[in-house]
PDB file of N, CA and C in Angstrom:
ATOM      1  N   UNK A   1       0.839  -1.181   0.000  1.00  0.00           N
ATOM      2  CA  UNK A   1       0.000   0.000   0.000  1.00  0.00           C
ATOM      3  C   UNK A   1       0.881   1.240   0.000  1.00  0.00           C
ATOM      4  N   UNK A   2       0.519   2.224  -0.767  1.00  0.00           N
ATOM      5  CA  UNK A   2       1.329   3.428  -0.900  1.00  0.00           C
ATOM      6  C   UNK A   2       1.047   4.442   0.184  1.00  0.00           C
ATOM      7  N   UNK A   3       1.857   5.468   0.174  1.00  0.00           N
ATOM      8  CA  UNK A   3       1.694   6.553   1.132  1.00  0.00           C
ATOM      9  C   UNK A   3       0.608   7.498   0.644  1.00  0.00           C
ATOM     10  N   UNK A   4       0.335   8.526   1.441  1.00  0.00           N
ATOM     11  CA  UNK A   4      -0.686   9.479   1.006  1.00  0.00           C
ATOM     12  C   UNK A   4      -0.221  10.216  -0.239  1.00  0.00           C
ATOM     13  N   UNK A   5      -1.126  10.941  -0.863  1.00  0.00           N
ATOM     14  CA  UNK A   5      -0.815  11.547  -2.156  1.00  0.00           C
ATOM     15  C   UNK A   5       0.000  12.833  -2.070  1.00  0.00           C
ATOM     16  N   UNK A   6       0.156  13.410  -0.888  1.00  0.00           N
ATOM     17  CA  UNK A   6       0.964  14.622  -0.789  1.00  0.00           C
ATOM     18  C   UNK A   6       2.447  14.261  -0.789  1.00  0.00           C
ATOM     19  N   UNK A   7       3.240  15.180  -1.305  1.00  0.00           N
ATOM     20  CA  UNK A   7       4.675  14.964  -1.419  1.00  0.00           C
ATOM     21  C   UNK A   7       5.395  16.049  -0.632  1.00  0.00           C
ATOM     22  N   UNK A   8       6.383  15.636   0.147  1.00  0.00           N
ATOM     23  CA  UNK A   8       7.171  16.599   0.895  1.00  0.00           C
ATOM     24  C   UNK A   8       8.243  17.204  -0.010  1.00  0.00           C
ATOM     25  N   UNK A   9       8.861  18.256   0.481  1.00  0.00           N
ATOM     26  CA  UNK A   9       9.950  18.880  -0.273  1.00  0.00           C
ATOM     27  C   UNK A   9      11.092  17.886  -0.478  1.00  0.00           C
ATOM     28  N   UNK A  10      11.389  17.089   0.545  1.00  0.00           N
ATOM     29  CA  UNK A  10      12.468  16.091   0.420  1.00  0.00           C
ATOM     30  C   UNK A  10      12.121  15.015  -0.600  1.00  0.00           C
ATOM     31  N   UNK A  11      10.864  14.575  -0.595  1.00  0.00           N
ATOM     32  CA  UNK A  11      10.446  13.576  -1.582  1.00  0.00           C
ATOM     33  C   UNK A  11      10.554  14.145  -2.992  1.00  0.00           C
ATOM     34  N   UNK A  12      10.110  15.373  -3.172  1.00  0.00           N
ATOM     35  CA  UNK A  12      10.222  16.017  -4.482  1.00  0.00           C
ATOM     36  C   UNK A  12      11.675  16.117  -4.924  1.00  0.00           C
ATOM     37  N   UNK A  13      12.554  16.487  -4.019  1.00  0.00           N
ATOM     38  CA  UNK A  13      13.978  16.612  -4.357  1.00  0.00           C
ATOM     39  C   UNK A  13      14.547  15.254  -4.763  1.00  0.00           C
ATOM     40  N   UNK A  14      14.239  14.213  -3.991  1.00  0.00           N
ATOM     41  CA  UNK A  14      14.722  12.866  -4.336  1.00  0.00           C
ATOM     42  C   UNK A  14      14.148  12.410  -5.681  1.00  0.00           C
ATOM     43  N   UNK A  15      12.885  12.733  -5.916  1.00  0.00           N
ATOM     44  CA  UNK A  15      12.239  12.387  -7.179  1.00  0.00           C
ATOM     45  C   UNK A  15      12.928  13.075  -8.350  1.00  0.00           C
ATOM     46  N   UNK A  16      13.156  14.371  -8.230  1.00  0.00           N
ATOM     47  CA  UNK A  16      13.797  15.115  -9.312  1.00  0.00           C
ATOM     48  C   UNK A  16      15.237  14.661  -9.532  1.00  0.00           C
ATOM     49  N   UNK A  17      15.952  14.373  -8.455  1.00  0.00           N
ATOM     50  CA  UNK A  17      17.317  13.850  -8.602  1.00  0.00           C
ATOM     51  C   UNK A  17      17.293  12.503  -9.320  1.00  0.00           C
ATOM     52  N   UNK A  18      16.323  11.657  -8.966  1.00  0.00           N
ATOM     53  CA  UNK A  18      16.223  10.339  -9.598  1.00  0.00           C
ATOM     54  C   UNK A  18      15.859  10.465 -11.071  1.00  0.00           C
ATOM     55  N   UNK A  19      15.061  11.469 -11.426  1.00  0.00           N
ATOM     56  CA  UNK A  19      14.748  11.682 -12.842  1.00  0.00           C
ATOM     57  C   UNK A  19      16.017  11.935 -13.647  1.00  0.00           C
ATOM     58  N   UNK A  20      16.982  12.592 -13.032  1.00  0.00           N
ATOM     59  CA  UNK A  20      18.259  12.845 -13.712  1.00  0.00           C
ATOM     60  C   UNK A  20      19.040  11.543 -13.897  1.00  0.00           C
ATOM     61  N   UNK A  21      18.873  10.613 -12.965  1.00  0.00           N
ATOM     62  CA  UNK A  21      19.594   9.337 -13.042  1.00  0.00           C
ATOM     63  C   UNK A  21      18.912   8.321 -13.949  1.00  0.00           C
ATOM     64  N   UNK A  22      17.590   8.318 -13.954  1.00  0.00           N
ATOM     65  CA  UNK A  22      16.835   7.301 -14.691  1.00  0.00           C
ATOM     66  C   UNK A  22      15.978   7.966 -15.763  1.00  0.00           C
ATOM     67  N   UNK A  23      16.547   8.122 -16.955  1.00  0.00           N
ATOM     68  CA  UNK A  23      15.787   8.751 -18.035  1.00  0.00           C
ATOM     69  C   UNK A  23      14.760   7.771 -18.595  1.00  0.00           C
ATOM     70  N   UNK A  24      14.026   8.222 -19.617  1.00  0.00           N
ATOM     71  CA  UNK A  24      12.921   7.417 -20.130  1.00  0.00           C
ATOM     72  C   UNK A  24      13.359   6.089 -20.734  1.00  0.00           C
ATOM     73  N   UNK A  25      14.645   5.922 -21.006  1.00  0.00           N
ATOM     74  CA  UNK A  25      15.156   4.670 -21.570  1.00  0.00           C
ATOM     75  C   UNK A  25      15.718   3.727 -20.513  1.00  0.00           C
ATOM     76  N   UNK A  26      15.704   4.128 -19.261  1.00  0.00           N
ATOM     77  CA  UNK A  26      16.237   3.287 -18.190  1.00  0.00           C
ATOM     78  C   UNK A  26      15.324   2.086 -17.954  1.00  0.00           C
ATOM     79  N   UNK A  27      15.924   0.896 -17.862  1.00  0.00           N
ATOM     80  CA  UNK A  27      15.098  -0.274 -17.540  1.00  0.00           C
ATOM     81  C   UNK A  27      14.495  -0.115 -16.143  1.00  0.00           C
ATOM     82  N   UNK A  28      13.261  -0.561 -15.998  1.00  0.00           N
ATOM     83  CA  UNK A  28      12.591  -0.501 -14.691  1.00  0.00           C
ATOM     84  C   UNK A  28      12.533   0.918 -14.138  1.00  0.00           C
ATOM     85  N   UNK A  29      12.425   1.894 -15.017  1.00  0.00           N
ATOM     86  CA  UNK A  29      12.483   3.307 -14.611  1.00  0.00           C
ATOM     87  C   UNK A  29      11.525   3.636 -13.473  1.00  0.00           C
ATOM     88  N   UNK A  30      10.259   3.266 -13.603  1.00  0.00           N
ATOM     89  CA  UNK A  30       9.263   3.669 -12.609  1.00  0.00           C
ATOM     90  C   UNK A  30       9.522   3.004 -11.262  1.00  0.00           C
ATOM     91  N   UNK A  31       9.943   1.752 -11.278  1.00  0.00           N
ATOM     92  CA  UNK A  31      10.289   1.077 -10.024  1.00  0.00           C
ATOM     93  C   UNK A  31      11.486   1.750  -9.359  1.00  0.00           C
ATOM     94  N   UNK A  32      12.470   2.093 -10.149  1.00  0.00           N
ATOM     95  CA  UNK A  32      13.659   2.760  -9.614  1.00  0.00           C
ATOM     96  C   UNK A  32      13.319   4.141  -9.055  1.00  0.00           C
ATOM     97  N   UNK A  33      12.466   4.874  -9.749  1.00  0.00           N
ATOM     98  CA  UNK A  33      12.055   6.190  -9.254  1.00  0.00           C
ATOM     99  C   UNK A  33      11.309   6.049  -7.930  1.00  0.00           C
ATOM    100  N   UNK A  34      10.411   5.086  -7.844  1.00  0.00           N
ATOM    101  CA  UNK A  34       9.657   4.878  -6.605  1.00  0.00           C
ATOM    102  C   UNK A  34      10.598   4.524  -5.457  1.00  0.00           C
ATOM    103  N   UNK A  35      11.566   3.642  -5.721  1.00  0.00           N
ATOM    104  CA  UNK A  35      12.531   3.282  -4.669  1.00  0.00           C
ATOM    105  C   UNK A  35      13.393   4.473  -4.268  1.00  0.00           C
ATOM    106  N   UNK A  36      13.748   5.308  -5.235  1.00  0.00           N
ATOM    107  CA  UNK A  36      14.604   6.468  -4.953  1.00  0.00           C
ATOM    108  C   UNK A  36      13.902   7.469  -4.045  1.00  0.00           C
ATOM    109  N   UNK A  37      12.598   7.616  -4.188  1.00  0.00           N
ATOM    110  CA  UNK A  37      11.859   8.520  -3.309  1.00  0.00           C
ATOM    111  C   UNK A  37      11.960   7.994  -1.883  1.00  0.00           C
ATOM    112  N   UNK A  38      11.885   6.672  -1.737  1.00  0.00           N
ATOM    113  CA  UNK A  38      12.198   6.028  -0.470  1.00  0.00           C
ATOM    114  C   UNK A  38      11.203   6.173   0.663  1.00  0.00           C
ATOM    115  N   UNK A  39       9.979   6.548   0.393  1.00  0.00           N
ATOM    116  CA  UNK A  39       9.013   6.727   1.476  1.00  0.00           C
ATOM    117  C   UNK A  39       7.751   5.902   1.253  1.00  0.00           C
ATOM    118  N   UNK A  40       7.876   4.845   0.496  1.00  0.00           N
ATOM    119  CA  UNK A  40       6.738   3.981   0.266  1.00  0.00           C
ATOM    120  C   UNK A  40       5.817   4.420  -0.849  1.00  0.00           C
ATOM    121  N   UNK A  41       6.244   5.373  -1.659  1.00  0.00           N
ATOM    122  CA  UNK A  41       5.434   5.771  -2.807  1.00  0.00           C
ATOM    123  C   UNK A  41       5.351   4.600  -3.780  1.00  0.00           C
ATOM    124  N   UNK A  42       4.165   4.375  -4.317  1.00  0.00           N
ATOM    125  CA  UNK A  42       3.986   3.290  -5.276  1.00  0.00           C
ATOM    126  C   UNK A  42       4.396   3.755  -6.674  1.00  0.00           C
ATOM    127  N   UNK A  43       4.551   2.793  -7.559  1.00  0.00           N
ATOM    128  CA  UNK A  43       4.865   3.115  -8.948  1.00  0.00           C
ATOM    129  C   UNK A  43       3.762   3.998  -9.530  1.00  0.00           C
ATOM    130  N   UNK A  44       2.510   3.693  -9.224  1.00  0.00           N
ATOM    131  CA  UNK A  44       1.400   4.498  -9.737  1.00  0.00           C
ATOM    132  C   UNK A  44       1.437   5.926  -9.196  1.00  0.00           C
ATOM    133  N   UNK A  45       1.794   6.099  -7.918  1.00  0.00           N
ATOM    134  CA  UNK A  45       1.920   7.444  -7.355  1.00  0.00           C
ATOM    135  C   UNK A  45       3.033   8.223  -8.042  1.00  0.00           C
ATOM    136  N   UNK A  46       4.131   7.539  -8.338  1.00  0.00           N
ATOM    137  CA  UNK A  46       5.264   8.188  -9.003  1.00  0.00           C
ATOM    138  C   UNK A  46       4.878   8.583 -10.431  1.00  0.00           C
ATOM    139  N   UNK A  47       4.188   7.709 -11.133  1.00  0.00           N
ATOM    140  CA  UNK A  47       3.742   8.028 -12.496  1.00  0.00           C
ATOM    141  C   UNK A  47       2.793   9.225 -12.480  1.00  0.00           C
ATOM    142  N   UNK A  48       1.875   9.239 -11.529  1.00  0.00           N
ATOM    143  CA  UNK A  48       0.926  10.344 -11.415  1.00  0.00           C
ATOM    144  C   UNK A  48       1.654  11.648 -11.094  1.00  0.00           C
ATOM    145  N   UNK A  49       2.620  11.580 -10.191  1.00  0.00           N
ATOM    146  CA  UNK A  49       3.400  12.762  -9.817  1.00  0.00           C
ATOM    147  C   UNK A  49       4.184  13.288 -11.022  1.00  0.00           C
ATOM    148  N   UNK A  50       4.746  12.376 -11.792  1.00  0.00           N
ATOM    149  CA  UNK A  50       5.479  12.757 -13.002  1.00  0.00           C
ATOM    150  C   UNK A  50       4.543  13.446 -13.998  1.00  0.00           C
ATOM    151  N   UNK A  51       3.356  12.877 -14.202  1.00  0.00           N
ATOM    152  CA  UNK A  51       2.412  13.466 -15.148  1.00  0.00           C
ATOM    153  C   UNK A  51       2.013  14.879 -14.714  1.00  0.00           C
ATOM    154  N   UNK A  52       1.810  15.081 -13.412  1.00  0.00           N
ATOM    155  CA  UNK A  52       1.476  16.414 -12.902  1.00  0.00           C
ATOM    156  C   UNK A  52       2.638  17.384 -13.137  1.00  0.00           C
ATOM    157  N   UNK A  53       3.856  16.898 -12.965  1.00  0.00           N
ATOM    158  CA  UNK A  53       5.032  17.724 -13.213  1.00  0.00           C
ATOM    159  C   UNK A  53       5.094  18.143 -14.680  1.00  0.00           C
ATOM    160  N   UNK A  54       4.866  17.198 -15.575  1.00  0.00           N
ATOM    161  CA  UNK A  54       4.878  17.493 -17.006  1.00  0.00           C
ATOM    162  C   UNK A  54       3.808  18.532 -17.340  1.00  0.00           C
ATOM    163  N   UNK A  55       2.624  18.375 -16.766  1.00  0.00           N
ATOM    164  CA  UNK A  55       1.543  19.337 -17.000  1.00  0.00           C
ATOM    165  C   UNK A  55       1.919  20.723 -16.472  1.00  0.00           C
ATOM    166  N   UNK A  56       2.508  20.771 -15.272  1.00  0.00           N
ATOM    167  CA  UNK A  56       2.945  22.050 -14.710  1.00  0.00           C
ATOM    168  C   UNK A  56       3.973  22.718 -15.608  1.00  0.00           C
ATOM    169  N   UNK A  57       4.930  21.947 -16.082  1.00  0.00           N
ATOM    170  CA  UNK A  57       5.961  22.495 -16.968  1.00  0.00           C
ATOM    171  C   UNK A  57       5.345  23.009 -18.262  1.00  0.00           C
ATOM    172  N   UNK A  58       4.398  22.274 -18.777  1.00  0.00           N
ATOM    173  CA  UNK A  58       3.728  22.706 -19.998  1.00  0.00           C
ATOM    174  C   UNK A  58       2.994  24.030 -19.776  1.00  0.00           C
ATOM    175  N   UNK A  59       2.313  24.159 -18.642  1.00  0.00           N
ATOM    176  CA  UNK A  59       1.605  25.403 -18.333  1.00  0.00           C
ATOM    177  C   UNK A  59       2.585  26.574 -18.193  1.00  0.00           C
ATOM    178  N   UNK A  60       3.716  26.331 -17.559  1.00  0.00           N
ATOM    179  CA  UNK A  60       4.721  27.386 -17.388  1.00  0.00           C
ATOM    180  C   UNK A  60       5.271  27.810 -18.744  1.00  0.00           C
ATOM    181  N   UNK A  61       5.657  26.824 -19.543  1.00  0.00           N
ATOM    182  CA  UNK A  61       6.245  27.145 -20.842  1.00  0.00           C
ATOM    183  C   UNK A  61       5.269  27.819 -21.797  1.00  0.00           C
ATOM    184  N   UNK A  62       3.980  27.534 -21.649  1.00  0.00           N
ATOM    185  CA  UNK A  62       2.973  28.136 -22.519  1.00  0.00           C
ATOM    186  C   UNK A  62       2.396  29.414 -21.942  1.00  0.00           C
ATOM    187  N   UNK A  63       3.004  29.914 -20.878  1.00  0.00           N
ATOM    188  CA  UNK A  63       2.598  31.186 -20.310  1.00  0.00           C
ATOM    189  C   UNK A  63       1.288  31.163 -19.541  1.00  0.00           C
ATOM    190  N   UNK A  64       0.784  29.982 -19.225  1.00  0.00           N
ATOM    191  CA  UNK A  64      -0.467  29.875 -18.473  1.00  0.00           C
ATOM    192  C   UNK A  64      -0.256  30.157 -16.993  1.00  0.00           C
ATOM    193  N   UNK A  65       0.980  29.975 -16.536  1.00  0.00           N
ATOM    194  CA  UNK A  65       1.345  30.265 -15.145  1.00  0.00           C
ATOM    195  C   UNK A  65       2.574  31.164 -15.194  1.00  0.00           C
ATOM    196  N   UNK A  66       2.482  32.355 -14.663  1.00  0.00           N
ATOM    197  CA  UNK A  66       3.650  33.242 -14.707  1.00  0.00           C
ATOM    198  C   UNK A  66       4.737  32.766 -13.753  1.00  0.00           C
ATOM    199  N   UNK A  67       5.982  32.994 -14.165  1.00  0.00           N
ATOM    200  CA  UNK A  67       7.090  32.711 -13.259  1.00  0.00           C
ATOM    201  C   UNK A  67       7.024  33.695 -12.103  1.00  0.00           C
ATOM    202  N   UNK A  68       7.432  33.261 -10.915  1.00  0.00           N
ATOM    203  CA  UNK A  68       7.411  34.173  -9.767  1.00  0.00           C
ATOM    204  C   UNK A  68       8.276  35.401 -10.017  1.00  0.00           C
ATOM    205  N   UNK A  69       7.905  36.500  -9.404  1.00  0.00           N
ATOM    206  CA  UNK A  69       8.662  37.733  -9.515  1.00  0.00           C
ATOM    207  C   UNK A  69       9.726  37.744  -8.418  1.00  0.00           C
ATOM    208  N   UNK A  70      10.879  37.163  -8.724  1.00  0.00           N
ATOM    209  CA  UNK A  70      11.948  37.085  -7.744  1.00  0.00           C
ATOM    210  C   UNK A  70      12.561  38.461  -7.528  1.00  0.00           C
ATOM    211  N   UNK A  71      12.825  38.790  -6.292  1.00  0.00           N
ATOM    212  CA  UNK A  71      13.495  40.046  -5.978  1.00  0.00           C
ATOM    213  C   UNK A  71      14.987  39.853  -6.155  1.00  0.00           C
ATOM    214  N   UNK A  72      15.611  40.798  -6.757  1.00  0.00           N
ATOM    215  CA  UNK A  72      17.048  40.727  -6.949  1.00  0.00           C
ATOM    216  C   UNK A  72      17.737  41.469  -5.818  1.00  0.00           C
ATOM    217  N   UNK A  73      18.824  40.911  -5.362  1.00  0.00           N
ATOM    218  CA  UNK A  73      19.601  41.523  -4.283  1.00  0.00           C
ATOM    219  C   UNK A  73      20.942  41.986  -4.811  1.00  0.00           C
ATOM    220  N   UNK A  74      20.908  42.691  -5.906  1.00  0.00           N
ATOM    221  CA  UNK A  74      22.147  43.134  -6.536  1.00  0.00           C
ATOM    222  C   UNK A  74      22.374  42.370  -7.821  1.00  0.00           C
ATOM    223  N   UNK A  75      23.421  42.733  -8.485  1.00  0.00           N
ATOM    224  CA  UNK A  75      23.707  42.150  -9.793  1.00  0.00           C
ATOM    225  C   UNK A  75      23.809  40.630  -9.745  1.00  0.00           C
ATOM    226  N   UNK A  76      24.419  40.106  -8.706  1.00  0.00           N
ATOM    227  CA  UNK A  76      24.584  38.659  -8.588  1.00  0.00           C
ATOM    228  C   UNK A  76      23.851  38.159  -7.356  1.00  0.00           C
ATOM    229  N   UNK A  77      22.710  38.744  -7.074  1.00  0.00           N
ATOM    230  CA  UNK A  77      21.976  38.418  -5.864  1.00  0.00           C
ATOM    231  C   UNK A  77      21.328  37.048  -5.903  1.00  0.00           C
ATOM    232  N   UNK A  78      20.891  36.607  -4.748  1.00  0.00           N
ATOM    233  CA  UNK A  78      20.284  35.299  -4.597  1.00  0.00           C
ATOM    234  C   UNK A  78      19.014  35.172  -5.436  1.00  0.00           C
ATOM    235  N   UNK A  79      18.211  36.223  -5.515  1.00  0.00           N
ATOM    236  CA  UNK A  79      16.986  36.177  -6.301  1.00  0.00           C
ATOM    237  C   UNK A  79      17.258  35.805  -7.740  1.00  0.00           C
ATOM    238  N   UNK A  80      18.304  36.356  -8.310  1.00  0.00           N
ATOM    239  CA  UNK A  80      18.677  36.046  -9.683  1.00  0.00           C
ATOM    240  C   UNK A  80      19.068  34.581  -9.804  1.00  0.00           C
ATOM    241  N   UNK A  81      19.859  34.094  -8.852  1.00  0.00           N
ATOM    242  CA  UNK A  81      20.299  32.705  -8.890  1.00  0.00           C
ATOM    243  C   UNK A  81      19.116  31.753  -8.769  1.00  0.00           C
ATOM    244  N   UNK A  82      18.193  32.038  -7.882  1.00  0.00           N
ATOM    245  CA  UNK A  82      17.018  31.189  -7.716  1.00  0.00           C
ATOM    246  C   UNK A  82      16.226  31.141  -9.011  1.00  0.00           C
ATOM    247  N   UNK A  83      16.037  32.287  -9.645  1.00  0.00           N
ATOM    248  CA  UNK A  83      15.295  32.333 -10.896  1.00  0.00           C
ATOM    249  C   UNK A  83      16.003  31.504 -11.963  1.00  0.00           C
ATOM    250  N   UNK A  84      17.301  31.643 -12.092  1.00  0.00           N
ATOM    251  CA  UNK A  84      18.045  30.893 -13.098  1.00  0.00           C
ATOM    252  C   UNK A  84      17.990  29.398 -12.793  1.00  0.00           C
ATOM    253  N   UNK A  85      18.079  29.014 -11.521  1.00  0.00           N
ATOM    254  CA  UNK A  85      17.973  27.606 -11.144  1.00  0.00           C
ATOM    255  C   UNK A  85      16.619  27.047 -11.548  1.00  0.00           C
ATOM    256  N   UNK A  86      15.546  27.808 -11.309  1.00  0.00           N
ATOM    257  CA  UNK A  86      14.204  27.373 -11.677  1.00  0.00           C
ATOM    258  C   UNK A  86      14.098  27.207 -13.193  1.00  0.00           C
ATOM    259  N   UNK A  87      14.610  28.163 -13.941  1.00  0.00           N
ATOM    260  CA  UNK A  87      14.544  28.080 -15.392  1.00  0.00           C
ATOM    261  C   UNK A  87      15.320  26.870 -15.907  1.00  0.00           C
ATOM    262  N   UNK A  88      16.483  26.611 -15.330  1.00  0.00           N
ATOM    263  CA  UNK A  88      17.295  25.466 -15.744  1.00  0.00           C
ATOM    264  C   UNK A  88      16.564  24.162 -15.427  1.00  0.00           C
ATOM    265  N   UNK A  89      15.923  24.092 -14.266  1.00  0.00           N
ATOM    266  CA  UNK A  89      15.194  22.876 -13.884  1.00  0.00           C
ATOM    267  C   UNK A  89      14.052  22.628 -14.865  1.00  0.00           C
ATOM    268  N   UNK A  90      13.322  23.677 -15.240  1.00  0.00           N
ATOM    269  CA  UNK A  90      12.225  23.535 -16.190  1.00  0.00           C
ATOM    270  C   UNK A  90      12.764  23.015 -17.519  1.00  0.00           C
ATOM    271  N   UNK A  91      13.838  23.602 -18.015  1.00  0.00           N
ATOM    272  CA  UNK A  91      14.417  23.163 -19.287  1.00  0.00           C
ATOM    273  C   UNK A  91      14.891  21.731 -19.198  1.00  0.00           C
ATOM    274  N   UNK A  92      15.555  21.362 -18.101  1.00  0.00           N
ATOM    275  CA  UNK A  92      16.092  20.012 -17.951  1.00  0.00           C
ATOM    276  C   UNK A  92      14.964  18.970 -17.894  1.00  0.00           C
ATOM    277  N   UNK A  93      13.947  19.246 -17.093  1.00  0.00           N
ATOM    278  CA  UNK A  93      12.880  18.279 -16.932  1.00  0.00           C
ATOM    279  C   UNK A  93      12.088  18.091 -18.214  1.00  0.00           C
ATOM    280  N   UNK A  94      11.987  19.106 -19.042  1.00  0.00           N
ATOM    281  CA  UNK A  94      11.290  18.957 -20.316  1.00  0.00           C
ATOM    282  C   UNK A  94      12.043  18.006 -21.242  1.00  0.00           C
ATOM    283  N   UNK A  95      13.344  17.844 -21.039  1.00  0.00           N
ATOM    284  CA  UNK A  95      14.136  16.943 -21.867  1.00  0.00           C
ATOM    285  C   UNK A  95      13.941  15.487 -21.454  1.00  0.00           C
ATOM    286  N   UNK A  96      13.430  15.265 -20.270  1.00  0.00           N
ATOM    287  CA  UNK A  96      13.248  13.910 -19.773  1.00  0.00           C
ATOM    288  C   UNK A  96      12.033  13.334 -20.404  1.00  0.00           C
TER     289      UNK A  96
END
């Protein structure tokens, strides 16, 4: 039996890290992703979570959801870095 449908920040991080390790051509990809999350998520929960992620990325890329308005703390401030990290993650995950 799987865990509840909500995902913690740590579970999301482990999931996203595992996506980098197990691309769509990896054998047993969904089983490996579920094990990588490590909190009893089922393969079906992982597939559903992935589909929601893909939908979110699609909405962001199609301008249906605006990117957050990050505050900049100077030319090389943290706000700029966070924004660039988010943009890179969106681009990377779309390649998966």
